[in-house]
């Protein structure tokens, strides 16, 4: 059975070089597979690896899925933090501003 190019496993060094922008160190790619990547909300995103014998390998499809999941999590985090802050001041804040002669 022949694998298509999206599912043909390659070594971590080649995967880092060919399938990740910025060509991260292969040890970084291994860490993403072994220890996950934080999604910023308590969840974890893991790079899927394949073993051929004792050798850990990645597929282009797995690299793309990992990049997409990390990007989606980071964008969701930015959307949460970009919300408008409340315009109302608490009584405590109001008192501090008055004490500092700012209002």
C-alpha atoms as a PDB file:
ATOM      1  CA  UNK A   1       0.000   0.000   0.000  1.00  0.00           C
ATOM      2  CA  UNK A   2       1.377   3.394  -0.986  1.00  0.00           C
ATOM      3  CA  UNK A   3       0.917   6.485   1.204  1.00  0.00           C
ATOM      4  CA  UNK A   4      -0.091   9.791  -0.304  1.00  0.00           C
ATOM      5  CA  UNK A   5       2.235  12.705   0.415  1.00  0.00           C
ATOM      6  CA  UNK A   6       0.041  14.090   3.236  1.00  0.00           C
ATOM      7  CA  UNK A   7       0.233  10.850   5.187  1.00  0.00           C
ATOM      8  CA  UNK A   8       3.814   9.790   4.410  1.00  0.00           C
ATOM      9  CA  UNK A   9       5.708   9.857   7.711  1.00  0.00           C
ATOM     10  CA  UNK A  10       8.994  11.737   7.894  1.00  0.00           C
ATOM     11  CA  UNK A  11      11.533  12.035  10.699  1.00  0.00           C
ATOM     12  CA  UNK A  12      11.204  14.812  13.263  1.00  0.00           C
ATOM     13  CA  UNK A  13      14.167  16.734  11.822  1.00  0.00           C
ATOM     14  CA  UNK A  14      12.701  16.674   8.317  1.00  0.00           C
ATOM     15  CA  UNK A  15       9.248  17.470   9.693  1.00  0.00           C
ATOM     16  CA  UNK A  16      10.645  20.493  11.521  1.00  0.00           C
ATOM     17  CA  UNK A  17      12.477  21.644   8.412  1.00  0.00           C
ATOM     18  CA  UNK A  18       9.760  21.022   5.848  1.00  0.00           C
ATOM     19  CA  UNK A  19       6.385  21.302   7.586  1.00  0.00           C
ATOM     20  CA  UNK A  20       6.702  24.016  10.256  1.00  0.00           C
ATOM     21  CA  UNK A  21       7.248  27.716   9.586  1.00  0.00           C
ATOM     22  CA  UNK A  22      10.462  29.014  11.071  1.00  0.00           C
ATOM     23  CA  UNK A  23      12.020  25.536  11.084  1.00  0.00           C
ATOM     24  CA  UNK A  24      11.857  24.839  14.835  1.00  0.00           C
ATOM     25  CA  UNK A  25      14.451  22.592  16.403  1.00  0.00           C
ATOM     26  CA  UNK A  26      13.535  18.884  16.181  1.00  0.00           C
ATOM     27  CA  UNK A  27      13.594  18.780  20.001  1.00  0.00           C
ATOM     28  CA  UNK A  28      10.783  21.362  19.999  1.00  0.00           C
ATOM     29  CA  UNK A  29       8.759  19.174  17.636  1.00  0.00           C
ATOM     30  CA  UNK A  30       9.399  16.223  19.968  1.00  0.00           C
ATOM     31  CA  UNK A  31       8.228  18.300  22.972  1.00  0.00           C
ATOM     32  CA  UNK A  32       4.996  19.189  21.155  1.00  0.00           C
ATOM     33  CA  UNK A  33       4.382  15.462  20.716  1.00  0.00           C
ATOM     34  CA  UNK A  34       5.562  14.268  24.125  1.00  0.00           C
ATOM     35  CA  UNK A  35       4.463  17.083  26.453  1.00  0.00           C
ATOM     36  CA  UNK A  36       1.765  18.865  24.445  1.00  0.00           C
ATOM     37  CA  UNK A  37       1.303  22.572  23.871  1.00  0.00           C
ATOM     38  CA  UNK A  38      -0.958  24.665  26.088  1.00  0.00           C
ATOM     39  CA  UNK A  39      -4.123  26.010  24.533  1.00  0.00           C
ATOM     40  CA  UNK A  40      -4.126  28.841  27.097  1.00  0.00           C
ATOM     41  CA  UNK A  41      -7.380  27.730  28.732  1.00  0.00           C
ATOM     42  CA  UNK A  42      -6.197  24.706  30.682  1.00  0.00           C
ATOM     43  CA  UNK A  43      -6.359  22.325  27.738  1.00  0.00           C
ATOM     44  CA  UNK A  44      -3.531  20.717  25.843  1.00  0.00           C
ATOM     45  CA  UNK A  45      -2.813  20.344  22.132  1.00  0.00           C
ATOM     46  CA  UNK A  46      -0.633  17.425  21.110  1.00  0.00           C
ATOM     47  CA  UNK A  47       1.229  16.853  17.867  1.00  0.00           C
ATOM     48  CA  UNK A  48       0.347  13.402  16.586  1.00  0.00           C
ATOM     49  CA  UNK A  49       3.405  11.258  15.934  1.00  0.00           C
ATOM     50  CA  UNK A  50       3.791   7.862  14.315  1.00  0.00           C
ATOM     51  CA  UNK A  51       6.371   5.248  15.170  1.00  0.00           C
ATOM     52  CA  UNK A  52       8.114   3.290  12.460  1.00  0.00           C
ATOM     53  CA  UNK A  53      10.078   0.766  14.435  1.00  0.00           C
ATOM     54  CA  UNK A  54      11.636   2.783  17.237  1.00  0.00           C
ATOM     55  CA  UNK A  55      11.788   5.998  15.243  1.00  0.00           C
ATOM     56  CA  UNK A  56       9.279   8.782  15.983  1.00  0.00           C
ATOM     57  CA  UNK A  57       7.913  10.369  12.831  1.00  0.00           C
ATOM     58  CA  UNK A  58       5.352  12.981  11.835  1.00  0.00           C
ATOM     59  CA  UNK A  59       3.137  13.335   8.800  1.00  0.00           C
ATOM     60  CA  UNK A  60       2.495  16.592   6.948  1.00  0.00           C
ATOM     61  CA  UNK A  61      -1.212  16.186   7.758  1.00  0.00           C
ATOM     62  CA  UNK A  62      -0.463  15.900  11.503  1.00  0.00           C
ATOM     63  CA  UNK A  63       1.784  18.982  11.349  1.00  0.00           C
ATOM     64  CA  UNK A  64      -0.949  20.971   9.586  1.00  0.00           C
ATOM     65  CA  UNK A  65      -3.584  19.832  12.089  1.00  0.00           C
ATOM     66  CA  UNK A  66      -1.319  20.824  15.003  1.00  0.00           C
ATOM     67  CA  UNK A  67      -0.612  24.272  13.522  1.00  0.00           C
ATOM     68  CA  UNK A  68      -4.325  24.805  12.882  1.00  0.00           C
ATOM     69  CA  UNK A  69      -5.296  23.767  16.432  1.00  0.00           C
ATOM     70  CA  UNK A  70      -2.668  26.028  18.048  1.00  0.00           C
ATOM     71  CA  UNK A  71      -3.686  28.944  15.833  1.00  0.00           C
ATOM     72  CA  UNK A  72      -7.372  28.438  16.618  1.00  0.00           C
ATOM     73  CA  UNK A  73      -6.656  28.343  20.377  1.00  0.00           C
ATOM     74  CA  UNK A  74      -4.517  31.503  20.248  1.00  0.00           C
ATOM     75  CA  UNK A  75      -7.102  33.393  18.203  1.00  0.00           C
ATOM     76  CA  UNK A  76      -9.843  32.366  20.639  1.00  0.00           C
ATOM     77  CA  UNK A  77      -7.709  33.656  23.513  1.00  0.00           C
ATOM     78  CA  UNK A  78      -7.169  36.996  21.729  1.00  0.00           C
ATOM     79  CA  UNK A  79     -10.883  37.386  21.102  1.00  0.00           C
ATOM     80  CA  UNK A  80     -11.561  36.837  24.825  1.00  0.00           C
ATOM     81  CA  UNK A  81      -8.972  39.412  25.911  1.00  0.00           C
ATOM     82  CA  UNK A  82      -9.990  42.025  23.312  1.00  0.00           C
ATOM     83  CA  UNK A  83     -13.435  42.536  24.833  1.00  0.00           C
ATOM     84  CA  UNK A  84     -14.205  46.077  25.924  1.00  0.00           C
ATOM     85  CA  UNK A  85     -13.503  46.699  29.604  1.00  0.00           C
ATOM     86  CA  UNK A  86     -16.372  47.760  31.773  1.00  0.00           C
ATOM     87  CA  UNK A  87     -16.926  51.538  31.824  1.00  0.00           C
ATOM     88  CA  UNK A  88     -18.349  51.443  35.336  1.00  0.00           C
ATOM     89  CA  UNK A  89     -16.066  52.161  38.266  1.00  0.00           C
ATOM     90  CA  UNK A  90     -16.394  50.446  41.578  1.00  0.00           C
ATOM     91  CA  UNK A  91     -16.904  52.506  44.724  1.00  0.00           C
ATOM     92  CA  UNK A  92     -13.384  51.549  45.812  1.00  0.00           C
ATOM     93  CA  UNK A  93     -11.876  52.839  42.561  1.00  0.00           C
ATOM     94  CA  UNK A  94     -13.919  56.026  42.790  1.00  0.00           C
ATOM     95  CA  UNK A  95     -12.660  56.637  46.352  1.00  0.00           C
ATOM     96  CA  UNK A  96      -9.016  56.090  45.329  1.00  0.00           C
ATOM     97  CA  UNK A  97      -9.352  58.515  42.438  1.00  0.00           C
ATOM     98  CA  UNK A  98     -10.866  61.158  44.715  1.00  0.00           C
ATOM     99  CA  UNK A  99      -8.141  60.611  47.358  1.00  0.00           C
ATOM    100  CA  UNK A 100      -5.479  61.058  44.653  1.00  0.00           C
ATOM    101  CA  UNK A 101      -7.167  64.303  43.496  1.00  0.00           C
ATOM    102  CA  UNK A 102      -7.621  62.843  40.026  1.00  0.00           C
ATOM    103  CA  UNK A 103     -11.357  63.516  39.866  1.00  0.00           C
END
